Amino acid sequence: MTEYTINQLARLAGVSTRTLRYYDQINLLKPAYINQSGYRVYRTQEVDKLHTILLYKELGFELSQIKAIISDPKFDLEQALLMHLELLKQRRLQTEKLIQNVQLTLQSLKGELNMTDKEKFQAFLKEKVAENEAKFGAEVRAKYGDQKVDESNAQLLNMTFEEYQTSEALNKALFAKLKAALITNNPQSKEGLEIAQMHAQWLNYYWPKDHYDLDKHVALAQMYLADERFKAFYDPIGAGAIQYLHDAILYYAESKRTQKNR
């Protein structure tokens, strides 16, 4: 049976020994055993597990999410690899579309190709879809399923220029209101409710028709708080912006449910 020291496994996988020690520390990847000299020793099972961890990391999953996935008794490595392969194919297709759209835009700028404003806008929307798939595709497909994500992409691609302008204006107003609200920093307020309502309206431009409900809105808010990419998107508004938005959405959902049960 092939065995690897921590240094050998690190070189094999292209990661640092510090990473492997951290994975051991958080019980994500334990060595097969510790030898008499006190060194970690890994076998084929651990190599396969590390491969899976790195695949999910590449797809954008957090370590806590990966740990939950691979610790599930129902976890099937073969199915996970097949899913990963399919996601990579989708990402490749989106990348190819993005390259094509950028090339067309460059040709248009050089005067080699005449694109109408509608064609330019459609190319822009395709770039947005490709960008979203690359950043968040794995998570949202795992959470909501391929059908809902495909419907959402189709809705974005079918958006008119006027609808896009309206959605962007709404998002700009939301950012401004959120920035002002951070001064008092009270998400359980009239301002907090208005911000959450504006956010719900904005989501309906991008989510499939009839997809929105309070539970999904709350789940998204929790994803915002847990994912550093969303934090980086909202933090320029002001310190604590993502936390305020999260708390405001939860308060909004609670208020709506209370009204419904009266």
Protein backbone atom coordinates (compact mmCIF):
# COMPACT_ATOMS: atom_id res chain seq x y z
CA MET A 1 0.00 0.00 0.00
CA THR A 2 1.43 3.35 -1.06
CA GLU A 3 2.05 5.78 1.76
CA TYR A 4 3.02 9.46 1.70
CA THR A 5 4.59 11.74 4.24
CA ILE A 6 3.09 15.19 4.57
CA ASN A 7 5.86 16.64 2.40
CA GLN A 8 5.33 14.04 -0.32
CA LEU A 9 1.58 14.59 -0.36
CA ALA A 10 2.03 18.36 -0.45
CA ARG A 11 4.27 18.07 -3.53
CA LEU A 12 1.92 15.57 -5.16
CA ALA A 13 -1.15 17.78 -4.69
CA GLY A 14 0.53 21.13 -5.21
CA VAL A 15 -0.41 22.48 -1.78
CA SER A 16 1.66 23.55 1.19
CA THR A 17 2.36 21.39 4.23
CA ARG A 18 0.84 24.23 6.25
CA THR A 19 -2.44 23.70 4.40
CA LEU A 20 -2.41 19.98 5.17
CA ARG A 21 -1.72 20.66 8.84
CA TYR A 22 -4.62 23.10 8.91
CA TYR A 23 -6.93 20.55 7.29
CA ASP A 24 -5.89 18.11 10.00
CA GLN A 25 -6.51 20.72 12.70
CA ILE A 26 -10.09 21.39 11.53
CA ASN A 27 -10.79 17.68 11.01
CA LEU A 28 -11.24 18.09 7.29
CA LEU A 29 -8.42 15.74 6.28
CA LYS A 30 -6.80 13.55 8.92
CA PRO A 31 -3.72 11.44 8.15
CA ALA A 32 -4.08 7.67 8.06
CA TYR A 33 -1.89 7.51 11.14
CA ILE A 34 0.99 9.17 12.98
CA ASN A 35 4.21 7.14 12.80
CA GLN A 36 6.61 6.48 15.68
CA SER A 37 8.60 9.59 14.77
CA GLY A 38 5.49 11.75 15.09
CA TYR A 39 5.06 12.36 11.34
CA ARG A 40 1.72 12.33 9.56
CA VAL A 41 1.32 9.50 7.05
CA TYR A 42 -1.31 9.45 4.29
CA ARG A 43 -2.63 6.61 2.15
CA THR A 44 -4.67 6.35 -1.06
CA GLN A 45 -7.95 7.07 0.73
CA GLU A 46 -6.59 10.38 2.05
CA VAL A 47 -5.16 11.26 -1.38
CA ASP A 48 -8.60 10.74 -2.96
CA LYS A 49 -10.24 12.80 -0.23
CA LEU A 50 -7.75 15.64 -0.72
CA HIS A 51 -8.45 15.55 -4.45
CA THR A 52 -12.16 15.98 -3.72
CA ILE A 53 -11.52 18.84 -1.30
CA LEU A 54 -9.43 20.68 -3.88
CA LEU A 55 -12.12 20.15 -6.55
CA TYR A 56 -14.77 21.75 -4.36
CA LYS A 57 -12.39 24.58 -3.44
CA GLU A 58 -11.88 25.28 -7.12
CA LEU A 59 -15.66 25.49 -7.51
CA GLY A 60 -15.76 28.20 -4.84
CA PHE A 61 -17.06 26.25 -1.84
CA GLU A 62 -15.99 27.30 1.66
CA LEU A 63 -14.09 24.77 3.77
CA SER A 64 -17.02 24.48 6.19
CA GLN A 65 -19.31 23.61 3.27
CA ILE A 66 -16.84 21.06 1.91
CA LYS A 67 -16.55 19.44 5.33
CA ALA A 68 -20.33 19.10 5.56
CA ILE A 69 -20.54 17.63 2.06
CA ILE A 70 -17.83 14.98 2.37
CA SER A 71 -18.85 14.08 5.94
CA ASP A 72 -22.36 13.21 4.77
CA PRO A 73 -22.85 9.41 4.94
CA LYS A 74 -24.61 9.63 1.57
CA PHE A 75 -21.63 11.32 -0.08
CA ASP A 76 -20.67 9.53 -3.31
CA LEU A 77 -17.22 10.39 -4.68
CA GLU A 78 -18.01 9.13 -8.19
CA GLN A 79 -21.17 11.24 -8.38
CA ALA A 80 -19.27 14.24 -7.02
CA LEU A 81 -16.65 13.87 -9.75
CA LEU A 82 -19.33 13.51 -12.43
CA MET A 83 -21.00 16.69 -11.15
CA HIS A 84 -17.65 18.46 -11.15
CA LEU A 85 -17.00 17.34 -14.72
CA GLU A 86 -20.38 18.66 -15.83
CA LEU A 87 -19.81 21.99 -14.10
CA LEU A 88 -16.41 22.31 -15.78
CA LYS A 89 -18.04 21.67 -19.16
CA GLN A 90 -20.62 24.36 -18.44
CA ARG A 91 -17.90 26.77 -17.34
CA ARG A 92 -15.94 26.04 -20.53
CA LEU A 93 -19.03 26.71 -22.64
CA GLN A 94 -19.68 29.99 -20.82
CA THR A 95 -16.03 30.98 -21.24
CA GLU A 96 -16.16 30.23 -24.95
CA LYS A 97 -19.29 32.38 -25.27
CA LEU A 98 -17.61 35.17 -23.32
CA ILE A 99 -14.54 35.03 -25.59
CA GLN A 100 -16.78 35.16 -28.65
CA ASN A 101 -18.69 38.17 -27.33
CA VAL A 102 -15.51 40.05 -26.44
CA GLN A 103 -14.08 39.33 -29.90
CA LEU A 104 -17.26 40.64 -31.54
CA THR A 105 -17.14 43.78 -29.40
CA LEU A 106 -13.48 44.36 -30.33
CA GLN A 107 -14.32 43.92 -34.01
CA SER A 108 -17.11 46.43 -33.60
CA LEU A 109 -14.80 48.97 -31.93
CA LYS A 110 -12.28 48.58 -34.76
CA GLY A 111 -14.99 49.11 -37.35
CA GLU A 112 -14.59 45.57 -38.68
CA LEU A 113 -18.13 44.66 -37.68
CA ASN A 114 -21.30 46.72 -37.43
CA MET A 115 -23.25 45.81 -34.29
CA THR A 116 -26.59 47.35 -33.48
CA ASP A 117 -27.20 48.71 -29.99
CA LYS A 118 -29.45 45.71 -29.34
CA GLU A 119 -26.69 43.29 -30.36
CA LYS A 120 -24.19 45.11 -28.13
CA PHE A 121 -26.60 44.92 -25.21
CA GLN A 122 -27.20 41.20 -25.84
CA ALA A 123 -23.44 40.62 -25.88
CA PHE A 124 -23.18 42.49 -22.58
CA LEU A 125 -25.91 40.33 -21.01
CA LYS A 126 -24.16 37.16 -22.17
CA GLU A 127 -20.98 38.39 -20.52
CA LYS A 128 -22.93 38.98 -17.28
CA VAL A 129 -24.33 35.43 -17.38
CA ALA A 130 -20.86 33.96 -18.02
CA GLU A 131 -19.39 36.04 -15.19
CA ASN A 132 -22.13 34.96 -12.75
CA GLU A 133 -21.69 31.31 -13.71
CA ALA A 134 -17.94 31.50 -13.14
CA LYS A 135 -18.30 33.17 -9.74
CA PHE A 136 -21.41 31.59 -8.25
CA GLY A 137 -22.62 28.89 -10.64
CA ALA A 138 -21.56 25.91 -8.56
CA GLU A 139 -23.17 27.13 -5.33
CA VAL A 140 -26.48 28.28 -6.76
CA ARG A 141 -26.86 25.18 -8.94
CA ALA A 142 -26.20 22.96 -5.94
CA LYS A 143 -28.67 24.97 -3.86
CA TYR A 144 -31.50 25.63 -6.34
CA GLY A 145 -30.94 23.09 -9.12
CA ASP A 146 -30.00 23.46 -12.77
CA GLN A 147 -33.55 24.24 -13.95
CA LYS A 148 -33.97 27.31 -11.73
CA VAL A 149 -30.50 28.64 -12.60
CA ASP A 150 -31.12 28.11 -16.33
CA GLU A 151 -34.46 29.92 -16.00
CA SER A 152 -32.74 32.79 -14.20
CA ASN A 153 -30.08 33.02 -16.92
CA ALA A 154 -32.78 32.99 -19.58
CA GLN A 155 -34.63 35.78 -17.79
CA LEU A 156 -31.48 37.91 -17.74
CA LEU A 157 -30.79 37.24 -21.43
CA ASN A 158 -34.37 38.23 -22.30
CA MET A 159 -34.20 41.47 -20.31
CA THR A 160 -34.82 44.63 -22.29
CA PHE A 161 -32.45 47.58 -22.11
CA GLU A 162 -35.15 49.57 -20.27
CA GLU A 163 -35.59 46.81 -17.68
CA TYR A 164 -31.86 46.61 -17.16
CA GLN A 165 -31.64 50.38 -16.66
CA THR A 166 -34.47 50.20 -14.12
CA SER A 167 -32.79 47.35 -12.21
CA GLU A 168 -29.48 49.23 -12.14
CA ALA A 169 -31.20 52.42 -10.93
CA LEU A 170 -32.92 50.42 -8.20
CA ASN A 171 -29.62 48.86 -7.14
CA LYS A 172 -27.95 52.29 -7.05
CA ALA A 173 -30.79 53.67 -4.89
CA LEU A 174 -30.50 50.62 -2.62
CA PHE A 175 -26.77 51.24 -2.14
CA ALA A 176 -27.39 54.92 -1.33
CA LYS A 177 -30.12 54.12 1.18
CA LEU A 178 -28.01 51.41 2.79
CA LYS A 179 -25.07 53.81 3.14
CA ALA A 180 -27.28 56.40 4.83
CA ALA A 181 -28.82 53.77 7.12
CA LEU A 182 -25.40 52.74 8.45
CA ILE A 183 -25.21 56.05 10.33
CA THR A 184 -27.95 55.00 12.77
CA ASN A 185 -27.24 51.28 12.18
CA ASN A 186 -30.68 50.01 13.11
CA PRO A 187 -31.81 47.31 10.66
CA GLN A 188 -34.98 46.71 12.70
CA SER A 189 -36.44 50.02 11.61
CA LYS A 190 -38.55 51.60 8.88
CA GLU A 191 -35.36 52.19 6.87
CA GLY A 192 -34.36 48.56 7.31
CA LEU A 193 -37.74 47.39 6.01
CA GLU A 194 -37.49 49.72 2.99
CA ILE A 195 -34.00 48.48 2.16
CA ALA A 196 -35.07 44.83 2.36
CA GLN A 197 -38.12 45.59 0.21
CA MET A 198 -35.94 47.29 -2.40
CA HIS A 199 -33.62 44.30 -2.37
CA ALA A 200 -36.58 41.97 -2.94
CA GLN A 201 -37.72 44.09 -5.89
CA TRP A 202 -34.21 44.00 -7.36
CA LEU A 203 -34.03 40.20 -7.01
CA ASN A 204 -37.21 39.80 -9.04
CA TYR A 205 -35.43 41.26 -12.07
CA TYR A 206 -32.94 38.38 -11.95
CA TRP A 207 -34.68 35.45 -10.32
CA PRO A 208 -37.07 33.25 -12.36
CA LYS A 209 -40.73 34.25 -12.36
CA ASP A 210 -42.53 33.24 -9.14
CA HIS A 211 -39.25 32.00 -7.61
CA TYR A 212 -39.13 34.62 -4.86
CA ASP A 213 -40.37 33.85 -1.38
CA LEU A 214 -39.30 34.94 2.10
CA ASP A 215 -37.43 31.71 2.89
CA LYS A 216 -35.29 32.03 -0.26
CA HIS A 217 -34.64 35.70 0.51
CA VAL A 218 -33.46 34.82 4.02
CA ALA A 219 -31.31 31.95 2.69
CA LEU A 220 -29.66 34.35 0.25
CA ALA A 221 -29.00 36.84 3.06
CA GLN A 222 -27.28 34.09 5.04
CA MET A 223 -25.19 33.22 1.99
CA TYR A 224 -24.24 36.89 1.70
CA LEU A 225 -22.96 36.87 5.27
CA ALA A 226 -21.03 33.61 4.89
CA ASP A 227 -19.36 34.32 1.55
CA GLU A 228 -16.39 36.69 1.39
CA ARG A 229 -17.17 37.52 -2.26
CA PHE A 230 -20.50 39.08 -1.32
CA LYS A 231 -18.88 40.85 1.63
CA ALA A 232 -16.32 42.37 -0.74
CA PHE A 233 -19.15 43.51 -3.04
CA TYR A 234 -21.11 45.33 -0.31
CA ASP A 235 -18.32 46.51 2.03
CA PRO A 236 -17.35 49.54 -0.13
CA ILE A 237 -20.74 51.00 0.91
CA GLY A 238 -19.48 51.17 4.48
CA ALA A 239 -18.27 49.01 7.35
CA GLY A 240 -20.95 46.53 8.40
CA ALA A 241 -23.04 46.95 5.23
CA ILE A 242 -23.44 43.23 4.58
CA GLN A 243 -24.38 42.58 8.22
CA TYR A 244 -26.97 45.38 8.11
CA LEU A 245 -28.50 44.04 4.89
CA HIS A 246 -28.62 40.51 6.34
CA ASP A 247 -30.31 41.69 9.54
CA ALA A 248 -32.74 43.94 7.63
CA ILE A 249 -33.83 41.06 5.38
CA LEU A 250 -34.41 38.79 8.39
CA TYR A 251 -36.44 41.54 10.09
CA TYR A 252 -38.39 42.12 6.86
CA ALA A 253 -39.21 38.41 6.56
CA GLU A 254 -40.28 38.22 10.21
CA SER A 255 -42.50 41.28 9.81
CA LYS A 256 -44.14 39.88 6.68
CA ARG A 257 -44.84 36.55 8.38
CA THR A 258 -46.29 38.31 11.43
CA GLN A 259 -48.64 40.35 9.22
CA LYS A 260 -49.74 37.21 7.37
CA ASN A 261 -50.55 35.36 10.61
CA ARG A 262 -52.69 38.14 12.07
